[in-house]
Amino acid sequence: MLDRIVSVRSQYAVVLAYCGDVDAAEREMARLEPYAPGFTAQQAKEIADQKALIARQRVKPLVSRQQALAMRQILAAQAASQPKIARPTTDKKVGRNEPCPCGSGRKYKHCHG
């Protein structure tokens, strides 16, 4: 399980770097250092490759910090503008073939079921 957690956390660090937050990416990779003695050869290579990729992002980013900030603002605005899903006000369980309480007009099993 630990090997999967380390892999996901290191991939998250790479995503942070691609989003323009190289400092946060390096902090995330530093959090994985205590686990390094237990890495397999493949994990050690993966972590080393990801560290190199993060370092390249500091020198020559694919996206500038301003562009990354603008993208985050756009995504946040889109998320805020999406309608919220209406939840049933009663504790009664919705049947699979009943209309979905979100108001989509579809059966619950095809919408949120």
PDB file of N, CA and C in Angstrom:
ATOM      1  N   MET A   1       0.824  -1.192   0.000  1.00  0.00           N
ATOM      2  CA  MET A   1       0.000   0.000   0.000  1.00  0.00           C
ATOM      3  C   MET A   1       0.867   1.254   0.000  1.00  0.00           C
ATOM      4  N   LEU A   2       1.951   1.195   0.764  1.00  0.00           N
ATOM      5  CA  LEU A   2       2.839   2.350   0.866  1.00  0.00           C
ATOM      6  C   LEU A   2       3.428   2.712  -0.490  1.00  0.00           C
ATOM      7  N   ASP A   3       3.762   1.701  -1.301  1.00  0.00           N
ATOM      8  CA  ASP A   3       4.345   1.997  -2.609  1.00  0.00           C
ATOM      9  C   ASP A   3       3.366   2.763  -3.491  1.00  0.00           C
ATOM     10  N   ARG A   4       2.091   2.473  -3.382  1.00  0.00           N
ATOM     11  CA  ARG A   4       1.089   3.199  -4.176  1.00  0.00           C
ATOM     12  C   ARG A   4       0.923   4.636  -3.675  1.00  0.00           C
ATOM     13  N   ILE A   5       0.960   4.800  -2.371  1.00  0.00           N
ATOM     14  CA  ILE A   5       0.833   6.146  -1.805  1.00  0.00           C
ATOM     15  C   ILE A   5       2.007   7.007  -2.241  1.00  0.00           C
ATOM     16  N   VAL A   6       3.203   6.452  -2.180  1.00  0.00           N
ATOM     17  CA  VAL A   6       4.397   7.190  -2.599  1.00  0.00           C
ATOM     18  C   VAL A   6       4.296   7.551  -4.072  1.00  0.00           C
ATOM     19  N   SER A   7       3.843   6.624  -4.880  1.00  0.00           N
ATOM     20  CA  SER A   7       3.701   6.880  -6.313  1.00  0.00           C
ATOM     21  C   SER A   7       2.705   7.997  -6.586  1.00  0.00           C
ATOM     22  N   VAL A   8       1.563   7.952  -5.925  1.00  0.00           N
ATOM     23  CA  VAL A   8       0.536   8.976  -6.135  1.00  0.00           C
ATOM     24  C   VAL A   8       1.026  10.332  -5.653  1.00  0.00           C
ATOM     25  N   ARG A   9       1.672  10.380  -4.495  1.00  0.00           N
ATOM     26  CA  ARG A   9       2.166  11.653  -3.958  1.00  0.00           C
ATOM     27  C   ARG A   9       3.227  12.252  -4.873  1.00  0.00           C
ATOM     28  N   SER A  10       4.096  11.411  -5.430  1.00  0.00           N
ATOM     29  CA  SER A  10       5.132  11.938  -6.323  1.00  0.00           C
ATOM     30  C   SER A  10       4.517  12.421  -7.638  1.00  0.00           C
ATOM     31  N   GLN A  11       3.495  11.738  -8.116  1.00  0.00           N
ATOM     32  CA  GLN A  11       2.809  12.197  -9.324  1.00  0.00           C
ATOM     33  C   GLN A  11       2.066  13.503  -9.064  1.00  0.00           C
ATOM     34  N   TYR A  12       1.511  13.643  -7.867  1.00  0.00           N
ATOM     35  CA  TYR A  12       0.866  14.896  -7.479  1.00  0.00           C
ATOM     36  C   TYR A  12       1.879  16.035  -7.493  1.00  0.00           C
ATOM     37  N   ALA A  13       3.093  15.766  -7.045  1.00  0.00           N
ATOM     38  CA  ALA A  13       4.149  16.782  -7.064  1.00  0.00           C
ATOM     39  C   ALA A  13       4.441  17.221  -8.499  1.00  0.00           C
ATOM     40  N   VAL A  14       4.452  16.286  -9.421  1.00  0.00           N
ATOM     41  CA  VAL A  14       4.686  16.629 -10.830  1.00  0.00           C
ATOM     42  C   VAL A  14       3.550  17.507 -11.354  1.00  0.00           C
ATOM     43  N   VAL A  15       2.326  17.185 -10.985  1.00  0.00           N
ATOM     44  CA  VAL A  15       1.185  18.000 -11.406  1.00  0.00           C
ATOM     45  C   VAL A  15       1.317  19.414 -10.851  1.00  0.00           C
ATOM     46  N   LEU A  16       1.733  19.527  -9.595  1.00  0.00           N
ATOM     47  CA  LEU A  16       1.953  20.852  -9.016  1.00  0.00           C
ATOM     48  C   LEU A  16       2.988  21.629  -9.824  1.00  0.00           C
ATOM     49  N   ALA A  17       4.050  20.959 -10.211  1.00  0.00           N
ATOM     50  CA  ALA A  17       5.096  21.619 -10.991  1.00  0.00           C
ATOM     51  C   ALA A  17       4.562  22.073 -12.341  1.00  0.00           C
ATOM     52  N   TYR A  18       3.793  21.225 -13.002  1.00  0.00           N
ATOM     53  CA  TYR A  18       3.207  21.611 -14.296  1.00  0.00           C
ATOM     54  C   TYR A  18       2.221  22.756 -14.143  1.00  0.00           C
ATOM     55  N   CYS A  19       1.613  22.882 -12.970  1.00  0.00           N
ATOM     56  CA  CYS A  19       0.676  23.978 -12.719  1.00  0.00           C
ATOM     57  C   CYS A  19       1.396  25.259 -12.316  1.00  0.00           C
ATOM     58  N   GLY A  20       2.699  25.212 -12.269  1.00  0.00           N
ATOM     59  CA  GLY A  20       3.471  26.412 -11.987  1.00  0.00           C
ATOM     60  C   GLY A  20       3.881  26.580 -10.539  1.00  0.00           C
ATOM     61  N   ASP A  21       3.544  25.643  -9.678  1.00  0.00           N
ATOM     62  CA  ASP A  21       3.893  25.752  -8.263  1.00  0.00           C
ATOM     63  C   ASP A  21       5.049  24.797  -7.956  1.00  0.00           C
ATOM     64  N   VAL A  22       6.220  25.144  -8.454  1.00  0.00           N
ATOM     65  CA  VAL A  22       7.393  24.281  -8.317  1.00  0.00           C
ATOM     66  C   VAL A  22       7.823  24.164  -6.857  1.00  0.00           C
ATOM     67  N   ASP A  23       7.691  25.247  -6.093  1.00  0.00           N
ATOM     68  CA  ASP A  23       8.063  25.198  -4.677  1.00  0.00           C
ATOM     69  C   ASP A  23       7.236  24.151  -3.931  1.00  0.00           C
ATOM     70  N   ALA A  24       5.935  24.152  -4.167  1.00  0.00           N
ATOM     71  CA  ALA A  24       5.059  23.161  -3.520  1.00  0.00           C
ATOM     72  C   ALA A  24       5.407  21.751  -3.993  1.00  0.00           C
ATOM     73  N   ALA A  25       5.765  21.608  -5.258  1.00  0.00           N
ATOM     74  CA  ALA A  25       6.142  20.297  -5.794  1.00  0.00           C
ATOM     75  C   ALA A  25       7.401  19.783  -5.092  1.00  0.00           C
ATOM     76  N   GLU A  26       8.364  20.663  -4.896  1.00  0.00           N
ATOM     77  CA  GLU A  26       9.594  20.249  -4.223  1.00  0.00           C
ATOM     78  C   GLU A  26       9.335  19.917  -2.752  1.00  0.00           C
ATOM     79  N   ARG A  27       8.444  20.660  -2.105  1.00  0.00           N
ATOM     80  CA  ARG A  27       8.083  20.337  -0.717  1.00  0.00           C
ATOM     81  C   ARG A  27       7.402  18.962  -0.646  1.00  0.00           C
ATOM     82  N   GLU A  28       6.553  18.677  -1.623  1.00  0.00           N
ATOM     83  CA  GLU A  28       5.862  17.375  -1.653  1.00  0.00           C
ATOM     84  C   GLU A  28       6.868  16.238  -1.832  1.00  0.00           C
ATOM     85  N   MET A  29       7.846  16.436  -2.696  1.00  0.00           N
ATOM     86  CA  MET A  29       8.873  15.409  -2.902  1.00  0.00           C
ATOM     87  C   MET A  29       9.728  15.250  -1.643  1.00  0.00           C
ATOM     88  N   ALA A  30       9.999  16.351  -0.937  1.00  0.00           N
ATOM     89  CA  ALA A  30      10.794  16.272   0.289  1.00  0.00           C
ATOM     90  C   ALA A  30      10.072  15.457   1.359  1.00  0.00           C
ATOM     91  N   ARG A  31       8.742  15.485   1.351  1.00  0.00           N
ATOM     92  CA  ARG A  31       7.971  14.700   2.325  1.00  0.00           C
ATOM     93  C   ARG A  31       8.138  13.193   2.103  1.00  0.00           C
ATOM     94  N   LEU A  32       8.562  12.816   0.903  1.00  0.00           N
ATOM     95  CA  LEU A  32       8.726  11.398   0.596  1.00  0.00           C
ATOM     96  C   LEU A  32      10.114  10.879   0.968  1.00  0.00           C
ATOM     97  N   GLU A  33      11.048  11.759   1.296  1.00  0.00           N
ATOM     98  CA  GLU A  33      12.423  11.363   1.597  1.00  0.00           C
ATOM     99  C   GLU A  33      12.532  10.329   2.722  1.00  0.00           C
ATOM    100  N   PRO A  34      11.749  10.427   3.801  1.00  0.00           N
ATOM    101  CA  PRO A  34      11.885   9.418   4.868  1.00  0.00           C
ATOM    102  C   PRO A  34      11.604   7.989   4.394  1.00  0.00           C
ATOM    103  N   TYR A  35      10.876   7.848   3.310  1.00  0.00           N
ATOM    104  CA  TYR A  35      10.527   6.517   2.804  1.00  0.00           C
ATOM    105  C   TYR A  35      11.552   5.977   1.801  1.00  0.00           C
ATOM    106  N   ALA A  36      12.510   6.786   1.403  1.00  0.00           N
ATOM    107  CA  ALA A  36      13.474   6.423   0.360  1.00  0.00           C
ATOM    108  C   ALA A  36      14.236   5.124   0.645  1.00  0.00           C
ATOM    109  N   PRO A  37      14.650   4.855   1.874  1.00  0.00           N
ATOM    110  CA  PRO A  37      15.390   3.601   2.097  1.00  0.00           C
ATOM    111  C   PRO A  37      14.579   2.345   1.753  1.00  0.00           C
ATOM    112  N   GLY A  38      13.275   2.422   1.780  1.00  0.00           N
ATOM    113  CA  GLY A  38      12.445   1.258   1.483  1.00  0.00           C
ATOM    114  C   GLY A  38      12.013   1.141   0.028  1.00  0.00           C
ATOM    115  N   PHE A  39      12.462   2.066  -0.823  1.00  0.00           N
ATOM    116  CA  PHE A  39      12.060   2.039  -2.233  1.00  0.00           C
ATOM    117  C   PHE A  39      12.710   0.867  -2.957  1.00  0.00           C
ATOM    118  N   THR A  40      11.958   0.303  -3.884  1.00  0.00           N
ATOM    119  CA  THR A  40      12.541  -0.671  -4.797  1.00  0.00           C
ATOM    120  C   THR A  40      13.360   0.102  -5.827  1.00  0.00           C
ATOM    121  N   ALA A  41      14.114  -0.600  -6.640  1.00  0.00           N
ATOM    122  CA  ALA A  41      14.929   0.063  -7.665  1.00  0.00           C
ATOM    123  C   ALA A  41      14.036   0.832  -8.641  1.00  0.00           C
ATOM    124  N   GLN A  42      12.911   0.244  -8.982  1.00  0.00           N
ATOM    125  CA  GLN A  42      11.984   0.898  -9.905  1.00  0.00           C
ATOM    126  C   GLN A  42      11.396   2.165  -9.283  1.00  0.00           C
ATOM    127  N   GLN A  43      11.020   2.102  -8.015  1.00  0.00           N
ATOM    128  CA  GLN A  43      10.480   3.285  -7.343  1.00  0.00           C
ATOM    129  C   GLN A  43      11.528   4.381  -7.231  1.00  0.00           C
ATOM    130  N   ALA A  44      12.754   3.997  -6.897  1.00  0.00           N
ATOM    131  CA  ALA A  44      13.830   4.983  -6.776  1.00  0.00           C
ATOM    132  C   ALA A  44      14.063   5.681  -8.105  1.00  0.00           C
ATOM    133  N   LYS A  45      14.014   4.928  -9.212  1.00  0.00           N
ATOM    134  CA  LYS A  45      14.195   5.529 -10.537  1.00  0.00           C
ATOM    135  C   LYS A  45      13.034   6.465 -10.865  1.00  0.00           C
ATOM    136  N   GLU A  46      11.807   6.039 -10.541  1.00  0.00           N
ATOM    137  CA  GLU A  46      10.629   6.865 -10.791  1.00  0.00           C
ATOM    138  C   GLU A  46      10.720   8.190 -10.026  1.00  0.00           C
ATOM    139  N   ILE A  47      11.102   8.117  -8.766  1.00  0.00           N
ATOM    140  CA  ILE A  47      11.216   9.323  -7.945  1.00  0.00           C
ATOM    141  C   ILE A  47      12.325  10.225  -8.491  1.00  0.00           C
ATOM    142  N   ALA A  48      13.452   9.639  -8.869  1.00  0.00           N
ATOM    143  CA  ALA A  48      14.555  10.436  -9.419  1.00  0.00           C
ATOM    144  C   ALA A  48      14.139  11.122 -10.719  1.00  0.00           C
ATOM    145  N   ASP A  49      13.433  10.392 -11.575  1.00  0.00           N
ATOM    146  CA  ASP A  49      12.952  10.984 -12.836  1.00  0.00           C
ATOM    147  C   ASP A  49      11.974  12.128 -12.575  1.00  0.00           C
ATOM    148  N   GLN A  50      11.106  11.941 -11.601  1.00  0.00           N
ATOM    149  CA  GLN A  50      10.128  12.981 -11.294  1.00  0.00           C
ATOM    150  C   GLN A  50      10.806  14.211 -10.678  1.00  0.00           C
ATOM    151  N   LYS A  51      11.824  13.992  -9.858  1.00  0.00           N
ATOM    152  CA  LYS A  51      12.579  15.125  -9.309  1.00  0.00           C
ATOM    153  C   LYS A  51      13.262  15.904 -10.426  1.00  0.00           C
ATOM    154  N   ALA A  52      13.817  15.189 -11.402  1.00  0.00           N
ATOM    155  CA  ALA A  52      14.468  15.851 -12.530  1.00  0.00           C
ATOM    156  C   ALA A  52      13.448  16.645 -13.347  1.00  0.00           C
ATOM    157  N   LEU A  53      12.278  16.078 -13.536  1.00  0.00           N
ATOM    158  CA  LEU A  53      11.227  16.773 -14.275  1.00  0.00           C
ATOM    159  C   LEU A  53      10.802  18.047 -13.551  1.00  0.00           C
ATOM    160  N   ILE A  54      10.669  17.972 -12.235  1.00  0.00           N
ATOM    161  CA  ILE A  54      10.298  19.147 -11.445  1.00  0.00           C
ATOM    162  C   ILE A  54      11.387  20.208 -11.541  1.00  0.00           C
ATOM    163  N   ALA A  55      12.649  19.778 -11.495  1.00  0.00           N
ATOM    164  CA  ALA A  55      13.758  20.723 -11.619  1.00  0.00           C
ATOM    165  C   ALA A  55      13.733  21.406 -12.987  1.00  0.00           C
ATOM    166  N   ARG A  56      13.402  20.665 -14.042  1.00  0.00           N
ATOM    167  CA  ARG A  56      13.299  21.276 -15.386  1.00  0.00           C
ATOM    168  C   ARG A  56      12.164  22.287 -15.432  1.00  0.00           C
ATOM    169  N   GLN A  57      11.085  22.030 -14.698  1.00  0.00           N
ATOM    170  CA  GLN A  57       9.966  22.972 -14.668  1.00  0.00           C
ATOM    171  C   GLN A  57      10.388  24.294 -14.027  1.00  0.00           C
ATOM    172  N   ARG A  58      11.321  24.248 -13.077  1.00  0.00           N
ATOM    173  CA  ARG A  58      11.799  25.478 -12.454  1.00  0.00           C
ATOM    174  C   ARG A  58      12.604  26.298 -13.465  1.00  0.00           C
ATOM    175  N   VAL A  59      13.394  25.620 -14.293  1.00  0.00           N
ATOM    176  CA  VAL A  59      14.240  26.309 -15.274  1.00  0.00           C
ATOM    177  C   VAL A  59      13.434  26.766 -16.480  1.00  0.00           C
ATOM    178  N   LYS A  60      12.636  25.866 -17.026  1.00  0.00           N
ATOM    179  CA  LYS A  60      11.889  26.177 -18.254  1.00  0.00           C
ATOM    180  C   LYS A  60      10.480  25.617 -18.138  1.00  0.00           C
ATOM    181  N   PRO A  61       9.571  26.362 -17.512  1.00  0.00           N
ATOM    182  CA  PRO A  61       8.215  25.847 -17.318  1.00  0.00           C
ATOM    183  C   PRO A  61       7.436  25.771 -18.633  1.00  0.00           C
ATOM    184  N   LEU A  62       6.558  24.764 -18.704  1.00  0.00           N
ATOM    185  CA  LEU A  62       5.674  24.652 -19.865  1.00  0.00           C
ATOM    186  C   LEU A  62       4.634  25.764 -19.853  1.00  0.00           C
ATOM    187  N   VAL A  63       4.223  26.141 -18.648  1.00  0.00           N
ATOM    188  CA  VAL A  63       3.207  27.168 -18.473  1.00  0.00           C
ATOM    189  C   VAL A  63       3.759  28.185 -17.479  1.00  0.00           C
ATOM    190  N   SER A  64       3.617  29.472 -17.805  1.00  0.00           N
ATOM    191  CA  SER A  64       4.103  30.486 -16.877  1.00  0.00           C
ATOM    192  C   SER A  64       3.237  30.514 -15.619  1.00  0.00           C
ATOM    193  N   ARG A  65       3.755  31.086 -14.565  1.00  0.00           N
ATOM    194  CA  ARG A  65       3.019  31.163 -13.302  1.00  0.00           C
ATOM    195  C   ARG A  65       1.726  31.957 -13.487  1.00  0.00           C
ATOM    196  N   GLN A  66       1.770  33.032 -14.298  1.00  0.00           N
ATOM    197  CA  GLN A  66       0.580  33.841 -14.545  1.00  0.00           C
ATOM    198  C   GLN A  66      -0.472  33.032 -15.312  1.00  0.00           C
ATOM    199  N   GLN A  67      -0.027  32.241 -16.290  1.00  0.00           N
ATOM    200  CA  GLN A  67      -0.969  31.420 -17.045  1.00  0.00           C
ATOM    201  C   GLN A  67      -1.603  30.369 -16.139  1.00  0.00           C
ATOM    202  N   ALA A  68      -0.799  29.775 -15.266  1.00  0.00           N
ATOM    203  CA  ALA A  68      -1.330  28.765 -14.347  1.00  0.00           C
ATOM    204  C   ALA A  68      -2.358  29.385 -13.413  1.00  0.00           C
ATOM    205  N   LEU A  69      -2.070  30.583 -12.910  1.00  0.00           N
ATOM    206  CA  LEU A  69      -3.016  31.265 -12.027  1.00  0.00           C
ATOM    207  C   LEU A  69      -4.308  31.579 -12.770  1.00  0.00           C
ATOM    208  N   ALA A  70      -4.187  32.042 -14.015  1.00  0.00           N
ATOM    209  CA  ALA A  70      -5.370  32.352 -14.817  1.00  0.00           C
ATOM    210  C   ALA A  70      -6.203  31.085 -15.063  1.00  0.00           C
ATOM    211  N   MET A  71      -5.538  29.960 -15.327  1.00  0.00           N
ATOM    212  CA  MET A  71      -6.254  28.702 -15.543  1.00  0.00           C
ATOM    213  C   MET A  71      -6.993  28.271 -14.281  1.00  0.00           C
ATOM    214  N   ARG A  72      -6.340  28.410 -13.120  1.00  0.00           N
ATOM    215  CA  ARG A  72      -6.994  28.046 -11.864  1.00  0.00           C
ATOM    216  C   ARG A  72      -8.216  28.910 -11.609  1.00  0.00           C
ATOM    217  N   GLN A  73      -8.108  30.209 -11.914  1.00  0.00           N
ATOM    218  CA  GLN A  73      -9.241  31.112 -11.714  1.00  0.00           C
ATOM    219  C   GLN A  73     -10.399  30.740 -12.636  1.00  0.00           C
ATOM    220  N   ILE A  74     -10.091  30.397 -13.865  1.00  0.00           N
ATOM    221  CA  ILE A  74     -11.132  29.995 -14.820  1.00  0.00           C
ATOM    222  C   ILE A  74     -11.818  28.721 -14.336  1.00  0.00           C
ATOM    223  N   LEU A  75     -11.027  27.732 -13.901  1.00  0.00           N
ATOM    224  CA  LEU A  75     -11.604  26.478 -13.418  1.00  0.00           C
ATOM    225  C   LEU A  75     -12.447  26.694 -12.171  1.00  0.00           C
ATOM    226  N   ALA A  76     -11.985  27.575 -11.281  1.00  0.00           N
ATOM    227  CA  ALA A  76     -12.759  27.861 -10.072  1.00  0.00           C
ATOM    228  C   ALA A  76     -14.079  28.540 -10.424  1.00  0.00           C
ATOM    229  N   ALA A  77     -14.042  29.462 -11.397  1.00  0.00           N
ATOM    230  CA  ALA A  77     -15.265  30.144 -11.822  1.00  0.00           C
ATOM    231  C   ALA A  77     -16.238  29.156 -12.459  1.00  0.00           C
ATOM    232  N   GLN A  78     -15.718  28.235 -13.259  1.00  0.00           N
ATOM    233  CA  GLN A  78     -16.576  27.229 -13.884  1.00  0.00           C
ATOM    234  C   GLN A  78     -17.199  26.327 -12.825  1.00  0.00           C
ATOM    235  N   ALA A  79     -16.423  25.925 -11.840  1.00  0.00           N
ATOM    236  CA  ALA A  79     -16.947  25.057 -10.788  1.00  0.00           C
ATOM    237  C   ALA A  79     -18.019  25.780  -9.980  1.00  0.00           C
ATOM    238  N   ALA A  80     -17.824  27.076  -9.748  1.00  0.00           N
ATOM    239  CA  ALA A  80     -18.794  27.841  -8.972  1.00  0.00           C
ATOM    240  C   ALA A  80     -20.089  28.061  -9.750  1.00  0.00           C
ATOM    241  N   SER A  81     -19.990  28.125 -11.078  1.00  0.00           N
ATOM    242  CA  SER A  81     -21.176  28.408 -11.880  1.00  0.00           C
ATOM    243  C   SER A  81     -22.007  27.156 -12.178  1.00  0.00           C
ATOM    244  N   GLN A  82     -21.464  25.975 -11.932  1.00  0.00           N
ATOM    245  CA  GLN A  82     -22.216  24.761 -12.208  1.00  0.00           C
ATOM    246  C   GLN A  82     -23.313  24.600 -11.175  1.00  0.00           C
ATOM    247  N   PRO A  83     -24.483  24.153 -11.615  1.00  0.00           N
ATOM    248  CA  PRO A  83     -25.602  24.015 -10.678  1.00  0.00           C
ATOM    249  C   PRO A  83     -25.313  22.946  -9.636  1.00  0.00           C
ATOM    250  N   LYS A  84     -25.762  23.204  -8.455  1.00  0.00           N
ATOM    251  CA  LYS A  84     -25.614  22.241  -7.365  1.00  0.00           C
ATOM    252  C   LYS A  84     -26.677  21.167  -7.504  1.00  0.00           C
ATOM    253  N   ILE A  85     -26.342  19.976  -7.114  1.00  0.00           N
ATOM    254  CA  ILE A  85     -27.265  18.858  -7.200  1.00  0.00           C
ATOM    255  C   ILE A  85     -28.228  18.942  -6.019  1.00  0.00           C
ATOM    256  N   ALA A  86     -29.504  18.941  -6.334  1.00  0.00           N
ATOM    257  CA  ALA A  86     -30.518  19.009  -5.279  1.00  0.00           C
ATOM    258  C   ALA A  86     -30.617  17.651  -4.609  1.00  0.00           C
ATOM    259  N   ARG A  87     -30.532  17.643  -3.329  1.00  0.00           N
ATOM    260  CA  ARG A  87     -30.664  16.410  -2.557  1.00  0.00           C
ATOM    261  C   ARG A  87     -32.089  16.314  -2.020  1.00  0.00           C
ATOM    262  N   PRO A  88     -32.599  15.114  -1.875  1.00  0.00           N
ATOM    263  CA  PRO A  88     -33.941  14.973  -1.334  1.00  0.00           C
ATOM    264  C   PRO A  88     -34.001  15.524   0.092  1.00  0.00           C
ATOM    265  N   THR A  89     -35.118  16.147   0.411  1.00  0.00           N
ATOM    266  CA  THR A  89     -35.264  16.738   1.735  1.00  0.00           C
ATOM    267  C   THR A  89     -35.699  15.710   2.765  1.00  0.00           C
ATOM    268  N   THR A  90     -36.177  14.584   2.318  1.00  0.00           N
ATOM    269  CA  THR A  90     -36.587  13.534   3.257  1.00  0.00           C
ATOM    270  C   THR A  90     -35.500  12.475   3.324  1.00  0.00           C
ATOM    271  N   ASP A  91     -35.603  11.647   4.311  1.00  0.00           N
ATOM    272  CA  ASP A  91     -34.643  10.561   4.463  1.00  0.00           C
ATOM    273  C   ASP A  91     -35.070   9.318   3.687  1.00  0.00           C
ATOM    274  N   LYS A  92     -36.152   9.432   2.944  1.00  0.00           N
ATOM    275  CA  LYS A  92     -36.657   8.306   2.166  1.00  0.00           C
ATOM    276  C   LYS A  92     -35.668   7.967   1.054  1.00  0.00           C
ATOM    277  N   LYS A  93     -35.416   6.692   0.871  1.00  0.00           N
ATOM    278  CA  LYS A  93     -34.497   6.239  -0.153  1.00  0.00           C
ATOM    279  C   LYS A  93     -35.155   6.363  -1.531  1.00  0.00           C
ATOM    280  N   VAL A  94     -34.398   6.844  -2.506  1.00  0.00           N
ATOM    281  CA  VAL A  94     -34.904   7.002  -3.868  1.00  0.00           C
ATOM    282  C   VAL A  94     -34.794   5.662  -4.575  1.00  0.00           C
ATOM    283  N   GLY A  95     -35.874   5.228  -5.200  1.00  0.00           N
ATOM    284  CA  GLY A  95     -35.861   3.979  -5.945  1.00  0.00           C
ATOM    285  C   GLY A  95     -35.089   4.117  -7.245  1.00  0.00           C
ATOM    286  N   ARG A  96     -34.527   3.042  -7.719  1.00  0.00           N
ATOM    287  CA  ARG A  96     -33.702   3.083  -8.930  1.00  0.00           C
ATOM    288  C   ARG A  96     -34.481   3.559 -10.157  1.00  0.00           C
ATOM    289  N   ASN A  97     -35.736   3.223 -10.250  1.00  0.00           N
ATOM    290  CA  ASN A  97     -36.520   3.577 -11.427  1.00  0.00           C
ATOM    291  C   ASN A  97     -37.330   4.852 -11.254  1.00  0.00           C
ATOM    292  N   GLU A  98     -37.186   5.515 -10.121  1.00  0.00           N
ATOM    293  CA  GLU A  98     -37.876   6.786  -9.902  1.00  0.00           C
ATOM    294  C   GLU A  98     -37.093   7.917 -10.545  1.00  0.00           C
ATOM    295  N   PRO A  99     -37.770   9.050 -10.817  1.00  0.00           N
ATOM    296  CA  PRO A  99     -37.039  10.199 -11.367  1.00  0.00           C
ATOM    297  C   PRO A  99     -35.974  10.658 -10.378  1.00  0.00           C
ATOM    298  N   CYS A 100     -34.855  11.097 -10.903  1.00  0.00           N
ATOM    299  CA  CYS A 100     -33.745  11.546 -10.070  1.00  0.00           C
ATOM    300  C   CYS A 100     -34.130  12.838  -9.349  1.00  0.00           C
ATOM    301  N   PRO A 101     -33.806  12.962  -8.062  1.00  0.00           N
ATOM    302  CA  PRO A 101     -34.166  14.164  -7.311  1.00  0.00           C
ATOM    303  C   PRO A 101     -33.386  15.406  -7.739  1.00  0.00           C
ATOM    304  N   CYS A 102     -32.377  15.259  -8.597  1.00  0.00           N
ATOM    305  CA  CYS A 102     -31.611  16.433  -9.024  1.00  0.00           C
ATOM    306  C   CYS A 102     -32.388  17.262 -10.043  1.00  0.00           C
ATOM    307  N   GLY A 103     -33.459  16.696 -10.591  1.00  0.00           N
ATOM    308  CA  GLY A 103     -34.284  17.442 -11.532  1.00  0.00           C
ATOM    309  C   GLY A 103     -33.887  17.268 -12.986  1.00  0.00           C
ATOM    310  N   SER A 104     -33.036  16.305 -13.288  1.00  0.00           N
ATOM    311  CA  SER A 104     -32.583  16.112 -14.661  1.00  0.00           C
ATOM    312  C   SER A 104     -33.655  15.491 -15.555  1.00  0.00           C
ATOM    313  N   GLY A 105     -34.631  14.834 -14.937  1.00  0.00           N
ATOM    314  CA  GLY A 105     -35.674  14.172 -15.710  1.00  0.00           C
ATOM    315  C   GLY A 105     -35.329  12.729 -16.043  1.00  0.00           C
ATOM    316  N   ARG A 106     -34.128  12.311 -15.715  1.00  0.00           N
ATOM    317  CA  ARG A 106     -33.703  10.940 -15.994  1.00  0.00           C
ATOM    318  C   ARG A 106     -34.023  10.052 -14.793  1.00  0.00           C
ATOM    319  N   LYS A 107     -34.031   8.738 -15.026  1.00  0.00           N
ATOM    320  CA  LYS A 107     -34.196   7.806 -13.919  1.00  0.00           C
ATOM    321  C   LYS A 107     -32.965   7.904 -13.013  1.00  0.00           C
ATOM    322  N   TYR A 108     -33.207   7.678 -11.730  1.00  0.00           N
ATOM    323  CA  TYR A 108     -32.132   7.775 -10.750  1.00  0.00           C
ATOM    324  C   TYR A 108     -30.970   6.847 -11.099  1.00  0.00           C
ATOM    325  N   LYS A 109     -31.263   5.628 -11.581  1.00  0.00           N
ATOM    326  CA  LYS A 109     -30.202   4.662 -11.862  1.00  0.00           C
ATOM    327  C   LYS A 109     -29.307   5.116 -13.022  1.00  0.00           C
ATOM    328  N   HIS A 110     -29.817   5.974 -13.893  1.00  0.00           N
ATOM    329  CA  HIS A 110     -29.015   6.455 -15.022  1.00  0.00           C
ATOM    330  C   HIS A 110     -28.378   7.817 -14.741  1.00  0.00           C
ATOM    331  N   CYS A 111     -28.752   8.422 -13.647  1.00  0.00           N
ATOM    332  CA  CYS A 111     -28.254   9.758 -13.344  1.00  0.00           C
ATOM    333  C   CYS A 111     -27.259   9.740 -12.181  1.00  0.00           C
ATOM    334  N   HIS A 112     -27.735   9.524 -10.989  1.00  0.00           N
ATOM    335  CA  HIS A 112     -26.880   9.545  -9.806  1.00  0.00           C
ATOM    336  C   HIS A 112     -26.874   8.220  -9.071  1.00  0.00           C
ATOM    337  N   GLY A 113     -27.431   7.175  -9.647  1.00  0.00           N
ATOM    338  CA  GLY A 113     -27.568   5.908  -8.942  1.00  0.00           C
ATOM    339  C   GLY A 113     -26.518   4.927  -9.189  1.00  0.00           C
TER     340      GLY A 113
END
